[in-house]
Amino acid sequence: MRFGVLTGGGDCPGLNAAVRAVVFRAARAGHETVGFLDGWKGVRDGLTRPLRSEDLLEAISRGGTVLGSSRTNPFAKPEDAERALATLDRLGIDVLIAIGGDDTLSAARELHRRGRRVVGVPKTMDNDVGGTDWTFGFDSAATVAVDAVARLRDTAASHHRVVLLEVMGRHAGWVALATGLAAAADATLLPEEPYDEPRLLARVRAAVAQRGYALVVVSEGIDLGSPTGSAAAHDEFGHELLRERGVGSSLARRIESATGFEARSAQIGHIQRGGPPTLFDRILATRLGAGAVDLALAGRFGEVAVLRGEEVLGVPLDEALRETKRVPPSWRDLLHTFEPG
C-alpha cells in the first residue's frame, strides 16, 4: 500500500509527531509514505516529498509541520478537484491520511465521497472538532497562554492596571476557558456566552477592590454586539479572518471608559501555535497518527482516528464533522466559580 499524508489548516504543535507516527507505523507493515506539501495545495498541484523513518527520528519534539500547510480548498473549483484526483492517480496513492481540523477533514470527506480511500486525523489548537475528547495542539497552545497571563500579572500588579489577553478561538472558547481557569483570571469571555458588559465591569471592579488590578482573558471570536475592527477578508473555506477585529483592544477601551481604571490589552496571536509540543500533545499526536494507519490497514476508510476516554478508535467523518464541539455549561459553571463579583 502506498500512503499519502498531508497537514492542512493552521499549524500547531504535534503535527510532526503525527506525521512521524504515520510513517513509522506504515513502514513497520512494509508500506511507503509520500508527503504532500502545503496541505491540499500539494494534492492539487502535485507537490510532494518522500518520507523516510530516518528523516523523522527527532520530529516528535518539533513544532510546526515539516510538510508545510495552507488553507487551500481543493474542491472550491471543479478544475481544482480534477487536478487533485489526477495527482492521486498519477502518484499511485492507495490511501490518503489527512491531518487537520474541520476544513481539512471536510475536504477529506468530499474526497471519500468521490470514491477515494481516506482516513482523517483531527488536530486543532481550538479543540473544537467533534467526535474526539481532545485534539493535539490544544494543550500546547493553552500552556503558552497560561504562561503569558502569568507574565502579564506582574505588570498589572505593578501598575495597578486592568490587563486583557486575547487568545484564539473562533466559535469555541476552549483555549480561553483553559487559560482563564488555570491562570486564575478575574473574568473569561467565551463565544459560547452572550457578552454581558455590566457583569464584566462588576468583576473588574471587584478584582481591583480586592488587590488593585484585574486580569481578563477573552476569546477572539466573541460578539461584542457592535463592530470591533475592519476585518472583512475570508479564506477559501469562507471563514472571516479574525486578526483585525481587535476584540481585546476594544474591550480595554470600554473598561477604561466605564471604570476609570487604566486598561491595556495584549494579543498573543500566533505565538500560541509555535514551539515544541507538550508531553500530552506529543503522545496524543503519536497515538492518533498510528491509529489512522491501523484504520487504513483494516480497510476502514472514511473514518477519523479519535480519542475516546483512554482508547483510540475510528468514527465516520460524518460523525466527526456533524457539529463544532463547543464549551458545555458544566465547564462554564466551573470557570465562573472562581470569578469575583
C-alpha atoms as a PDB file:
ATOM      1  CA  MET A   1       0.000   0.000   0.000  1.00  0.00           C
ATOM      2  CA  ARG A   2       1.265   3.488  -0.812  1.00  0.00           C
ATOM      3  CA  PHE A   3       0.243   6.085   1.757  1.00  0.00           C
ATOM      4  CA  GLY A   4      -0.045   9.808   1.227  1.00  0.00           C
ATOM      5  CA  VAL A   5      -0.159  12.227   4.154  1.00  0.00           C
ATOM      6  CA  LEU A   6      -0.862  15.953   4.412  1.00  0.00           C
ATOM      7  CA  THR A   7      -1.216  18.583   7.123  1.00  0.00           C
ATOM      8  CA  GLY A   8      -3.838  21.245   6.404  1.00  0.00           C
ATOM      9  CA  GLY A   9      -5.160  24.414   8.010  1.00  0.00           C
ATOM     10  CA  GLY A  10      -3.418  26.310  10.776  1.00  0.00           C
ATOM     11  CA  ASP A  11      -0.229  24.773  12.110  1.00  0.00           C
ATOM     12  CA  CYS A  12       0.050  23.671  15.722  1.00  0.00           C
ATOM     13  CA  PRO A  13       2.432  21.699  17.936  1.00  0.00           C
ATOM     14  CA  GLY A  14       2.080  17.944  17.420  1.00  0.00           C
ATOM     15  CA  LEU A  15       1.761  17.835  13.633  1.00  0.00           C
ATOM     16  CA  ASN A  16       5.267  16.468  13.157  1.00  0.00           C
ATOM     17  CA  ALA A  17       4.660  13.847  15.823  1.00  0.00           C
ATOM     18  CA  ALA A  18       1.561  12.684  13.934  1.00  0.00           C
ATOM     19  CA  VAL A  19       3.364  12.588  10.570  1.00  0.00           C
ATOM     20  CA  ARG A  20       6.221  10.666  12.180  1.00  0.00           C
ATOM     21  CA  ALA A  21       3.798   8.122  13.611  1.00  0.00           C
ATOM     22  CA  VAL A  22       2.131   7.628  10.219  1.00  0.00           C
ATOM     23  CA  VAL A  23       5.461   6.996   8.519  1.00  0.00           C
ATOM     24  CA  PHE A  24       6.808   4.628  11.194  1.00  0.00           C
ATOM     25  CA  ARG A  25       3.559   2.667  11.505  1.00  0.00           C
ATOM     26  CA  ALA A  26       3.225   2.263   7.746  1.00  0.00           C
ATOM     27  CA  ALA A  27       6.892   1.286   7.367  1.00  0.00           C
ATOM     28  CA  ARG A  28       6.583  -1.373  10.048  1.00  0.00           C
ATOM     29  CA  ALA A  29       3.861  -3.010   7.937  1.00  0.00           C
ATOM     30  CA  GLY A  30       6.030  -2.763   4.800  1.00  0.00           C
ATOM     31  CA  HIS A  31       4.404   0.265   3.188  1.00  0.00           C
ATOM     32  CA  GLU A  32       5.850   3.554   1.940  1.00  0.00           C
ATOM     33  CA  THR A  33       4.605   7.083   2.596  1.00  0.00           C
ATOM     34  CA  VAL A  34       4.602  10.157   0.393  1.00  0.00           C
ATOM     35  CA  GLY A  35       4.197  13.581   1.960  1.00  0.00           C
ATOM     36  CA  PHE A  36       2.103  16.238   0.232  1.00  0.00           C
ATOM     37  CA  LEU A  37       3.453  19.748   0.731  1.00  0.00           C
ATOM     38  CA  ASP A  38       1.357  22.674   1.937  1.00  0.00           C
ATOM     39  CA  GLY A  39      -1.825  20.758   2.693  1.00  0.00           C
ATOM     40  CA  TRP A  40      -4.431  20.262  -0.012  1.00  0.00           C
ATOM     41  CA  LYS A  41      -2.471  22.616  -2.252  1.00  0.00           C
ATOM     42  CA  GLY A  42       0.130  19.863  -2.559  1.00  0.00           C
ATOM     43  CA  VAL A  43      -2.518  17.371  -3.653  1.00  0.00           C
ATOM     44  CA  ARG A  44      -3.955  19.831  -6.156  1.00  0.00           C
ATOM     45  CA  ASP A  45      -0.581  20.865  -7.596  1.00  0.00           C
ATOM     46  CA  GLY A  46       1.343  17.607  -7.188  1.00  0.00           C
ATOM     47  CA  LEU A  47       3.852  18.929  -4.635  1.00  0.00           C
ATOM     48  CA  THR A  48       5.415  16.025  -2.736  1.00  0.00           C
ATOM     49  CA  ARG A  49       8.433  14.774  -0.846  1.00  0.00           C
ATOM     50  CA  PRO A  50       9.382  11.237   0.167  1.00  0.00           C
ATOM     51  CA  LEU A  51       9.087  10.459   3.855  1.00  0.00           C
ATOM     52  CA  ARG A  52      11.506   8.010   5.423  1.00  0.00           C
ATOM     53  CA  SER A  53      11.658   6.940   9.030  1.00  0.00           C
ATOM     54  CA  GLU A  54      15.276   8.025   9.380  1.00  0.00           C
ATOM     55  CA  ASP A  55      14.348  11.581   8.358  1.00  0.00           C
ATOM     56  CA  LEU A  56      11.819  11.889  11.182  1.00  0.00           C
ATOM     57  CA  LEU A  57      13.660  10.375  14.134  1.00  0.00           C
ATOM     58  CA  GLU A  58      13.517  13.576  16.213  1.00  0.00           C
ATOM     59  CA  ALA A  59      10.450  15.168  14.621  1.00  0.00           C
ATOM     60  CA  ILE A  60       8.301  14.402  17.664  1.00  0.00           C
ATOM     61  CA  SER A  61       9.802  17.374  19.507  1.00  0.00           C
ATOM     62  CA  ARG A  62       9.494  19.939  16.704  1.00  0.00           C
ATOM     63  CA  GLY A  63       6.690  22.457  16.344  1.00  0.00           C
ATOM     64  CA  GLY A  64       5.093  23.471  13.063  1.00  0.00           C
ATOM     65  CA  THR A  65       4.978  20.940  10.247  1.00  0.00           C
ATOM     66  CA  VAL A  66       7.789  19.577   8.087  1.00  0.00           C
ATOM     67  CA  LEU A  67       5.261  19.258   5.254  1.00  0.00           C
ATOM     68  CA  GLY A  68       4.046  22.839   5.331  1.00  0.00           C
ATOM     69  CA  SER A  69       0.380  23.795   5.422  1.00  0.00           C
ATOM     70  CA  SER A  70      -2.215  26.029   3.770  1.00  0.00           C
ATOM     71  CA  ARG A  71      -5.924  26.767   3.880  1.00  0.00           C
ATOM     72  CA  THR A  72      -6.459  25.584   0.307  1.00  0.00           C
ATOM     73  CA  ASN A  73      -9.850  24.101  -0.536  1.00  0.00           C
ATOM     74  CA  PRO A  74      -9.264  21.543  -3.334  1.00  0.00           C
ATOM     75  CA  PHE A  75     -12.980  21.387  -4.100  1.00  0.00           C
ATOM     76  CA  ALA A  76     -13.603  25.128  -4.383  1.00  0.00           C
ATOM     77  CA  LYS A  77     -13.482  24.829  -8.171  1.00  0.00           C
ATOM     78  CA  PRO A  78     -14.293  21.822 -10.394  1.00  0.00           C
ATOM     79  CA  GLU A  79     -10.956  22.113 -12.169  1.00  0.00           C
ATOM     80  CA  ASP A  80      -9.094  22.018  -8.834  1.00  0.00           C
ATOM     81  CA  ALA A  81     -10.917  18.834  -7.848  1.00  0.00           C
ATOM     82  CA  GLU A  82      -9.995  17.219 -11.155  1.00  0.00           C
ATOM     83  CA  ARG A  83      -6.347  18.145 -10.669  1.00  0.00           C
ATOM     84  CA  ALA A  84      -6.317  16.692  -7.134  1.00  0.00           C
ATOM     85  CA  LEU A  85      -7.837  13.402  -8.270  1.00  0.00           C
ATOM     86  CA  ALA A  86      -5.396  13.212 -11.183  1.00  0.00           C
ATOM     87  CA  THR A  87      -2.470  13.748  -8.800  1.00  0.00           C
ATOM     88  CA  LEU A  88      -3.532  10.850  -6.600  1.00  0.00           C
ATOM     89  CA  ASP A  89      -3.899   8.607  -9.644  1.00  0.00           C
ATOM     90  CA  ARG A  90      -0.563   9.647 -11.149  1.00  0.00           C
ATOM     91  CA  LEU A  91       1.320   9.025  -7.907  1.00  0.00           C
ATOM     92  CA  GLY A  92      -0.449   5.739  -7.190  1.00  0.00           C
ATOM     93  CA  ILE A  93      -1.694   6.792  -3.760  1.00  0.00           C
ATOM     94  CA  ASP A  94      -3.736   3.942  -2.276  1.00  0.00           C
ATOM     95  CA  VAL A  95      -4.868   5.818   0.824  1.00  0.00           C
ATOM     96  CA  LEU A  96      -4.552   9.447   1.891  1.00  0.00           C
ATOM     97  CA  ILE A  97      -4.237  10.416   5.550  1.00  0.00           C
ATOM     98  CA  ALA A  98      -5.449  13.979   6.091  1.00  0.00           C
ATOM     99  CA  ILE A  99      -4.329  15.641   9.331  1.00  0.00           C
ATOM    100  CA  GLY A 100      -6.288  18.766  10.184  1.00  0.00           C
ATOM    101  CA  GLY A 101      -9.351  20.438  11.624  1.00  0.00           C
ATOM    102  CA  ASP A 102     -12.909  20.814  10.362  1.00  0.00           C
ATOM    103  CA  ASP A 103     -11.996  22.287   6.974  1.00  0.00           C
ATOM    104  CA  THR A 104      -9.258  19.782   6.192  1.00  0.00           C
ATOM    105  CA  LEU A 105     -11.487  16.902   7.260  1.00  0.00           C
ATOM    106  CA  SER A 106     -14.413  18.295   5.256  1.00  0.00           C
ATOM    107  CA  ALA A 107     -12.250  18.140   2.142  1.00  0.00           C
ATOM    108  CA  ALA A 108     -11.241  14.596   3.122  1.00  0.00           C
ATOM    109  CA  ARG A 109     -14.922  13.650   3.376  1.00  0.00           C
ATOM    110  CA  GLU A 110     -15.593  15.045  -0.077  1.00  0.00           C
ATOM    111  CA  LEU A 111     -12.668  13.049  -1.452  1.00  0.00           C
ATOM    112  CA  HIS A 112     -14.041   9.914   0.176  1.00  0.00           C
ATOM    113  CA  ARG A 113     -17.475  10.608  -1.332  1.00  0.00           C
ATOM    114  CA  ARG A 114     -15.760  10.589  -4.703  1.00  0.00           C
ATOM    115  CA  GLY A 115     -14.618   7.037  -4.129  1.00  0.00           C
ATOM    116  CA  ARG A 116     -11.112   7.579  -2.764  1.00  0.00           C
ATOM    117  CA  ARG A 117      -9.596   5.912   0.279  1.00  0.00           C
ATOM    118  CA  VAL A 118      -9.161   8.498   3.016  1.00  0.00           C
ATOM    119  CA  VAL A 119      -8.532   8.414   6.768  1.00  0.00           C
ATOM    120  CA  GLY A 120      -8.541  11.518   8.967  1.00  0.00           C
ATOM    121  CA  VAL A 121      -6.568  12.662  11.993  1.00  0.00           C
ATOM    122  CA  PRO A 122      -8.160  15.523  13.985  1.00  0.00           C
ATOM    123  CA  LYS A 123      -5.921  18.365  15.051  1.00  0.00           C
ATOM    124  CA  THR A 124      -6.642  21.902  16.150  1.00  0.00           C
ATOM    125  CA  MET A 125      -5.431  24.101  18.935  1.00  0.00           C
ATOM    126  CA  ASP A 126      -9.086  25.193  19.280  1.00  0.00           C
ATOM    127  CA  ASN A 127     -10.103  21.678  20.445  1.00  0.00           C
ATOM    128  CA  ASP A 128     -13.396  22.090  18.577  1.00  0.00           C
ATOM    129  CA  VAL A 129     -13.511  19.003  16.340  1.00  0.00           C
ATOM    130  CA  GLY A 130     -16.453  16.765  17.219  1.00  0.00           C
ATOM    131  CA  GLY A 131     -16.166  13.059  17.880  1.00  0.00           C
ATOM    132  CA  THR A 132     -12.950  13.257  19.896  1.00  0.00           C
ATOM    133  CA  ASP A 133     -12.359  14.111  23.537  1.00  0.00           C
ATOM    134  CA  TRP A 134      -9.229  16.163  22.832  1.00  0.00           C
ATOM    135  CA  THR A 135      -7.240  17.328  19.825  1.00  0.00           C
ATOM    136  CA  PHE A 136      -3.495  17.769  19.846  1.00  0.00           C
ATOM    137  CA  GLY A 137      -2.253  21.351  19.698  1.00  0.00           C
ATOM    138  CA  PHE A 138      -4.759  22.489  22.302  1.00  0.00           C
ATOM    139  CA  ASP A 139      -2.711  21.586  25.384  1.00  0.00           C
ATOM    140  CA  SER A 140       0.397  23.261  23.960  1.00  0.00           C
ATOM    141  CA  ALA A 141      -1.462  26.436  22.973  1.00  0.00           C
ATOM    142  CA  ALA A 142      -3.234  26.764  26.310  1.00  0.00           C
ATOM    143  CA  THR A 143       0.041  26.168  28.174  1.00  0.00           C
ATOM    144  CA  VAL A 144       1.653  29.067  26.290  1.00  0.00           C
ATOM    145  CA  ALA A 145      -1.351  31.297  27.006  1.00  0.00           C
ATOM    146  CA  VAL A 146      -1.254  30.479  30.725  1.00  0.00           C
ATOM    147  CA  ASP A 147       2.415  31.449  30.788  1.00  0.00           C
ATOM    148  CA  ALA A 148       1.522  34.747  29.084  1.00  0.00           C
ATOM    149  CA  VAL A 149      -1.081  35.539  31.749  1.00  0.00           C
ATOM    150  CA  ALA A 150       1.488  34.879  34.476  1.00  0.00           C
ATOM    151  CA  ARG A 151       3.800  37.445  32.872  1.00  0.00           C
ATOM    152  CA  LEU A 152       1.012  39.974  32.367  1.00  0.00           C
ATOM    153  CA  ARG A 153       0.029  39.587  36.018  1.00  0.00           C
ATOM    154  CA  ASP A 154       3.362  41.068  37.086  1.00  0.00           C
ATOM    155  CA  THR A 155       2.808  44.193  35.013  1.00  0.00           C
ATOM    156  CA  ALA A 156      -0.843  44.503  36.032  1.00  0.00           C
ATOM    157  CA  ALA A 157       0.051  44.308  39.718  1.00  0.00           C
ATOM    158  CA  SER A 158       2.976  46.708  39.429  1.00  0.00           C
ATOM    159  CA  HIS A 159       0.964  49.424  37.666  1.00  0.00           C
ATOM    160  CA  HIS A 160      -2.496  48.735  39.154  1.00  0.00           C
ATOM    161  CA  ARG A 161      -3.970  48.100  35.724  1.00  0.00           C
ATOM    162  CA  VAL A 162      -6.641  46.028  34.096  1.00  0.00           C
ATOM    163  CA  VAL A 163      -4.868  43.795  31.583  1.00  0.00           C
ATOM    164  CA  LEU A 164      -6.656  41.744  28.924  1.00  0.00           C
ATOM    165  CA  LEU A 165      -5.211  38.828  26.979  1.00  0.00           C
ATOM    166  CA  GLU A 166      -6.900  37.981  23.671  1.00  0.00           C
ATOM    167  CA  VAL A 167      -6.480  34.327  22.696  1.00  0.00           C
ATOM    168  CA  MET A 168      -7.545  32.346  19.637  1.00  0.00           C
ATOM    169  CA  GLY A 169     -10.954  30.724  19.321  1.00  0.00           C
ATOM    170  CA  ARG A 170     -13.489  31.390  16.571  1.00  0.00           C
ATOM    171  CA  HIS A 171     -16.664  29.518  17.568  1.00  0.00           C
ATOM    172  CA  ALA A 172     -15.412  27.576  20.582  1.00  0.00           C
ATOM    173  CA  GLY A 173     -13.776  29.012  23.680  1.00  0.00           C
ATOM    174  CA  TRP A 174     -11.740  26.039  24.861  1.00  0.00           C
ATOM    175  CA  VAL A 175      -8.409  27.901  24.835  1.00  0.00           C
ATOM    176  CA  ALA A 176      -9.884  30.880  26.690  1.00  0.00           C
ATOM    177  CA  LEU A 177     -11.578  28.549  29.174  1.00  0.00           C
ATOM    178  CA  ALA A 178      -8.392  26.620  29.947  1.00  0.00           C
ATOM    179  CA  THR A 179      -6.320  29.791  30.131  1.00  0.00           C
ATOM    180  CA  GLY A 180      -8.719  31.662  32.380  1.00  0.00           C
ATOM    181  CA  LEU A 181      -9.284  28.680  34.652  1.00  0.00           C
ATOM    182  CA  ALA A 182      -5.616  27.654  35.001  1.00  0.00           C
ATOM    183  CA  ALA A 183      -4.271  31.209  35.304  1.00  0.00           C
ATOM    184  CA  ALA A 184      -6.928  32.385  37.791  1.00  0.00           C
ATOM    185  CA  ALA A 185      -8.221  35.198  35.574  1.00  0.00           C
ATOM    186  CA  ASP A 186     -10.820  37.500  37.079  1.00  0.00           C
ATOM    187  CA  ALA A 187     -13.055  37.258  34.013  1.00  0.00           C
ATOM    188  CA  THR A 188     -13.048  34.983  30.977  1.00  0.00           C
ATOM    189  CA  LEU A 189     -15.167  35.720  27.907  1.00  0.00           C
ATOM    190  CA  LEU A 190     -16.184  32.847  25.636  1.00  0.00           C
ATOM    191  CA  PRO A 191     -18.018  32.720  22.266  1.00  0.00           C
ATOM    192  CA  GLU A 192     -20.500  30.307  23.862  1.00  0.00           C
ATOM    193  CA  GLU A 193     -21.880  33.021  26.146  1.00  0.00           C
ATOM    194  CA  PRO A 194     -23.534  36.343  25.224  1.00  0.00           C
ATOM    195  CA  TYR A 195     -21.422  39.360  26.042  1.00  0.00           C
ATOM    196  CA  ASP A 196     -22.593  40.906  29.314  1.00  0.00           C
ATOM    197  CA  GLU A 197     -20.805  44.210  29.864  1.00  0.00           C
ATOM    198  CA  PRO A 198     -22.313  45.064  33.295  1.00  0.00           C
ATOM    199  CA  ARG A 199     -21.249  41.645  34.574  1.00  0.00           C
ATOM    200  CA  LEU A 200     -17.725  42.097  33.189  1.00  0.00           C
ATOM    201  CA  LEU A 201     -17.375  45.553  34.734  1.00  0.00           C
ATOM    202  CA  ALA A 202     -18.596  44.225  38.086  1.00  0.00           C
ATOM    203  CA  ARG A 203     -15.921  41.534  38.068  1.00  0.00           C
ATOM    204  CA  VAL A 204     -13.220  44.014  37.119  1.00  0.00           C
ATOM    205  CA  ARG A 205     -14.241  46.432  39.874  1.00  0.00           C
ATOM    206  CA  ALA A 206     -14.359  43.622  42.433  1.00  0.00           C
ATOM    207  CA  ALA A 207     -10.889  42.393  41.475  1.00  0.00           C
ATOM    208  CA  VAL A 208      -9.383  45.873  41.618  1.00  0.00           C
ATOM    209  CA  ALA A 209     -11.013  46.450  45.006  1.00  0.00           C
ATOM    210  CA  GLN A 210      -9.569  43.179  46.329  1.00  0.00           C
ATOM    211  CA  ARG A 211      -5.968  43.519  45.160  1.00  0.00           C
ATOM    212  CA  GLY A 212      -5.510  46.589  42.984  1.00  0.00           C
ATOM    213  CA  TYR A 213      -5.545  45.035  39.495  1.00  0.00           C
ATOM    214  CA  ALA A 214      -7.584  42.746  37.260  1.00  0.00           C
ATOM    215  CA  LEU A 215      -6.866  40.125  34.605  1.00  0.00           C
ATOM    216  CA  VAL A 216      -9.286  39.315  31.782  1.00  0.00           C
ATOM    217  CA  VAL A 217      -8.984  36.545  29.172  1.00  0.00           C
ATOM    218  CA  VAL A 218     -11.055  36.940  26.027  1.00  0.00           C
ATOM    219  CA  SER A 219     -11.585  34.674  23.036  1.00  0.00           C
ATOM    220  CA  GLU A 220     -11.101  36.435  19.694  1.00  0.00           C
ATOM    221  CA  GLY A 221     -14.430  35.106  18.407  1.00  0.00           C
ATOM    222  CA  ILE A 222     -16.776  36.735  20.936  1.00  0.00           C
ATOM    223  CA  ASP A 223     -19.544  39.005  19.683  1.00  0.00           C
ATOM    224  CA  LEU A 224     -19.432  42.422  21.343  1.00  0.00           C
ATOM    225  CA  GLY A 225     -22.654  43.470  19.649  1.00  0.00           C
ATOM    226  CA  SER A 226     -21.005  46.226  17.606  1.00  0.00           C
ATOM    227  CA  PRO A 227     -18.196  46.475  15.036  1.00  0.00           C
ATOM    228  CA  THR A 228     -14.755  45.988  16.591  1.00  0.00           C
ATOM    229  CA  GLY A 229     -12.443  46.300  13.622  1.00  0.00           C
ATOM    230  CA  SER A 230     -12.097  46.251   9.877  1.00  0.00           C
ATOM    231  CA  ALA A 231     -11.796  42.558   9.096  1.00  0.00           C
ATOM    232  CA  ALA A 232     -13.751  41.579   6.017  1.00  0.00           C
ATOM    233  CA  ALA A 233     -11.410  39.145   4.250  1.00  0.00           C
ATOM    234  CA  HIS A 234     -12.278  35.453   4.176  1.00  0.00           C
ATOM    235  CA  ASP A 235     -10.295  32.286   3.495  1.00  0.00           C
ATOM    236  CA  GLU A 236     -11.088  29.655   0.844  1.00  0.00           C
ATOM    237  CA  PHE A 237     -13.473  27.890   3.223  1.00  0.00           C
ATOM    238  CA  GLY A 238     -15.499  31.069   3.768  1.00  0.00           C
ATOM    239  CA  HIS A 239     -14.243  31.909   7.268  1.00  0.00           C
ATOM    240  CA  GLU A 240     -13.764  35.527   8.262  1.00  0.00           C
ATOM    241  CA  LEU A 241     -10.151  36.312   9.118  1.00  0.00           C
ATOM    242  CA  LEU A 242     -10.256  37.454  12.743  1.00  0.00           C
ATOM    243  CA  ARG A 243      -6.855  39.046  13.134  1.00  0.00           C
ATOM    244  CA  GLU A 244      -8.100  42.618  12.570  1.00  0.00           C
ATOM    245  CA  ARG A 245     -11.226  42.523  14.740  1.00  0.00           C
ATOM    246  CA  GLY A 246      -9.352  43.859  17.752  1.00  0.00           C
ATOM    247  CA  VAL A 247     -11.655  42.400  20.388  1.00  0.00           C
ATOM    248  CA  GLY A 248      -9.113  42.805  23.189  1.00  0.00           C
ATOM    249  CA  SER A 249      -8.272  46.429  22.425  1.00  0.00           C
ATOM    250  CA  SER A 250     -11.955  47.305  22.045  1.00  0.00           C
ATOM    251  CA  LEU A 251     -12.731  45.794  25.450  1.00  0.00           C
ATOM    252  CA  ALA A 252      -9.817  47.633  27.060  1.00  0.00           C
ATOM    253  CA  ARG A 253     -11.214  50.959  25.835  1.00  0.00           C
ATOM    254  CA  ARG A 254     -14.687  50.113  27.113  1.00  0.00           C
ATOM    255  CA  ILE A 255     -13.407  49.093  30.550  1.00  0.00           C
ATOM    256  CA  GLU A 256     -11.211  52.172  30.929  1.00  0.00           C
ATOM    257  CA  SER A 257     -14.042  54.480  29.845  1.00  0.00           C
ATOM    258  CA  ALA A 258     -16.573  52.902  32.208  1.00  0.00           C
ATOM    259  CA  THR A 259     -14.373  52.442  35.293  1.00  0.00           C
ATOM    260  CA  GLY A 260     -11.565  54.965  35.042  1.00  0.00           C
ATOM    261  CA  PHE A 261      -9.035  52.168  35.571  1.00  0.00           C
ATOM    262  CA  GLU A 262      -6.084  52.147  33.200  1.00  0.00           C
ATOM    263  CA  ALA A 263      -6.607  49.183  30.878  1.00  0.00           C
ATOM    264  CA  ARG A 264      -4.231  47.534  28.410  1.00  0.00           C
ATOM    265  CA  SER A 265      -4.644  44.600  26.047  1.00  0.00           C
ATOM    266  CA  ALA A 266      -2.291  42.012  24.575  1.00  0.00           C
ATOM    267  CA  GLN A 267      -2.975  39.725  21.633  1.00  0.00           C
ATOM    268  CA  ILE A 268      -0.982  36.532  21.862  1.00  0.00           C
ATOM    269  CA  GLY A 269      -1.913  35.503  18.334  1.00  0.00           C
ATOM    270  CA  HIS A 270       0.312  33.042  16.539  1.00  0.00           C
ATOM    271  CA  ILE A 271       2.737  32.732  19.445  1.00  0.00           C
ATOM    272  CA  GLN A 272       0.261  30.100  20.672  1.00  0.00           C
ATOM    273  CA  ARG A 273       0.901  27.977  17.591  1.00  0.00           C
ATOM    274  CA  GLY A 274       4.689  27.795  17.781  1.00  0.00           C
ATOM    275  CA  GLY A 275       7.274  25.917  19.767  1.00  0.00           C
ATOM    276  CA  PRO A 276       7.637  22.279  20.756  1.00  0.00           C
ATOM    277  CA  PRO A 277       4.529  20.316  21.737  1.00  0.00           C
ATOM    278  CA  THR A 278       3.832  19.471  25.352  1.00  0.00           C
ATOM    279  CA  LEU A 279       4.134  15.898  26.595  1.00  0.00           C
ATOM    280  CA  PHE A 280       0.370  15.405  26.294  1.00  0.00           C
ATOM    281  CA  ASP A 281       0.314  16.589  22.677  1.00  0.00           C
ATOM    282  CA  ARG A 282       3.346  14.515  21.679  1.00  0.00           C
ATOM    283  CA  ILE A 283       1.721  11.335  22.958  1.00  0.00           C
ATOM    284  CA  LEU A 284      -1.760  12.128  21.646  1.00  0.00           C
ATOM    285  CA  ALA A 285      -0.496  13.027  18.161  1.00  0.00           C
ATOM    286  CA  THR A 286       1.602   9.872  18.073  1.00  0.00           C
ATOM    287  CA  ARG A 287      -1.339   7.687  19.059  1.00  0.00           C
ATOM    288  CA  LEU A 288      -3.700   9.273  16.536  1.00  0.00           C
ATOM    289  CA  GLY A 289      -1.180   9.100  13.680  1.00  0.00           C
ATOM    290  CA  ALA A 290      -0.552   5.424  14.333  1.00  0.00           C
ATOM    291  CA  GLY A 291      -4.267   4.849  14.799  1.00  0.00           C
ATOM    292  CA  ALA A 292      -5.013   6.304  11.366  1.00  0.00           C
ATOM    293  CA  VAL A 293      -2.655   3.825   9.720  1.00  0.00           C
ATOM    294  CA  ASP A 294      -4.260   0.991  11.676  1.00  0.00           C
ATOM    295  CA  LEU A 295      -7.688   2.053  10.380  1.00  0.00           C
ATOM    296  CA  ALA A 296      -6.386   2.064   6.806  1.00  0.00           C
ATOM    297  CA  LEU A 297      -4.786  -1.363   7.157  1.00  0.00           C
ATOM    298  CA  ALA A 298      -8.106  -2.651   8.495  1.00  0.00           C
ATOM    299  CA  GLY A 299      -9.905  -1.241   5.447  1.00  0.00           C
ATOM    300  CA  ARG A 300     -11.842   1.319   7.498  1.00  0.00           C
ATOM    301  CA  PHE A 301     -11.721   4.212   5.085  1.00  0.00           C
ATOM    302  CA  GLY A 302     -13.792   7.344   5.506  1.00  0.00           C
ATOM    303  CA  GLU A 303     -13.119   7.336   9.251  1.00  0.00           C
ATOM    304  CA  VAL A 304     -11.194   9.538  11.672  1.00  0.00           C
ATOM    305  CA  ALA A 305      -8.879   8.294  14.418  1.00  0.00           C
ATOM    306  CA  VAL A 306     -10.152   9.874  17.651  1.00  0.00           C
ATOM    307  CA  LEU A 307      -9.558   9.706  21.387  1.00  0.00           C
ATOM    308  CA  ARG A 308     -12.486   8.479  23.468  1.00  0.00           C
ATOM    309  CA  GLY A 309     -11.570   8.144  27.113  1.00  0.00           C
ATOM    310  CA  GLU A 310      -8.344   6.120  27.135  1.00  0.00           C
ATOM    311  CA  GLU A 311      -8.951   4.473  23.768  1.00  0.00           C
ATOM    312  CA  VAL A 312      -8.080   5.490  20.209  1.00  0.00           C
ATOM    313  CA  LEU A 313     -10.786   4.332  17.809  1.00  0.00           C
ATOM    314  CA  GLY A 314     -12.326   5.228  14.470  1.00  0.00           C
ATOM    315  CA  VAL A 315     -15.516   7.194  13.843  1.00  0.00           C
ATOM    316  CA  PRO A 316     -17.053   8.129  10.468  1.00  0.00           C
ATOM    317  CA  LEU A 317     -16.077  11.502   9.019  1.00  0.00           C
ATOM    318  CA  ASP A 318     -19.747  12.490   9.069  1.00  0.00           C
ATOM    319  CA  GLU A 319     -19.872  11.964  12.834  1.00  0.00           C
ATOM    320  CA  ALA A 320     -16.675  13.932  13.469  1.00  0.00           C
ATOM    321  CA  LEU A 321     -17.961  16.821  11.340  1.00  0.00           C
ATOM    322  CA  ARG A 322     -21.579  16.824  12.495  1.00  0.00           C
ATOM    323  CA  GLU A 323     -21.149  19.852  14.747  1.00  0.00           C
ATOM    324  CA  THR A 324     -18.499  22.057  16.277  1.00  0.00           C
ATOM    325  CA  LYS A 325     -17.541  20.936  19.766  1.00  0.00           C
ATOM    326  CA  ARG A 326     -18.236  23.928  21.985  1.00  0.00           C
ATOM    327  CA  VAL A 327     -17.663  24.519  25.695  1.00  0.00           C
ATOM    328  CA  PRO A 328     -20.632  22.957  27.553  1.00  0.00           C
ATOM    329  CA  PRO A 329     -22.453  24.506  30.529  1.00  0.00           C
ATOM    330  CA  SER A 330     -20.700  22.263  33.070  1.00  0.00           C
ATOM    331  CA  TRP A 331     -17.274  23.643  32.118  1.00  0.00           C
ATOM    332  CA  ARG A 332     -18.566  27.204  32.063  1.00  0.00           C
ATOM    333  CA  ASP A 333     -20.076  26.763  35.525  1.00  0.00           C
ATOM    334  CA  LEU A 334     -16.728  25.571  36.866  1.00  0.00           C
ATOM    335  CA  LEU A 335     -14.969  28.545  35.273  1.00  0.00           C
ATOM    336  CA  HIS A 336     -17.292  31.113  36.816  1.00  0.00           C
ATOM    337  CA  THR A 337     -16.998  29.546  40.265  1.00  0.00           C
ATOM    338  CA  PHE A 338     -13.695  31.350  40.744  1.00  0.00           C
ATOM    339  CA  GLU A 339     -14.555  34.764  39.313  1.00  0.00           C
ATOM    340  CA  PRO A 340     -15.136  37.704  41.709  1.00  0.00           C
ATOM    341  CA  GLY A 341     -18.210  39.889  41.862  1.00  0.00           C
END
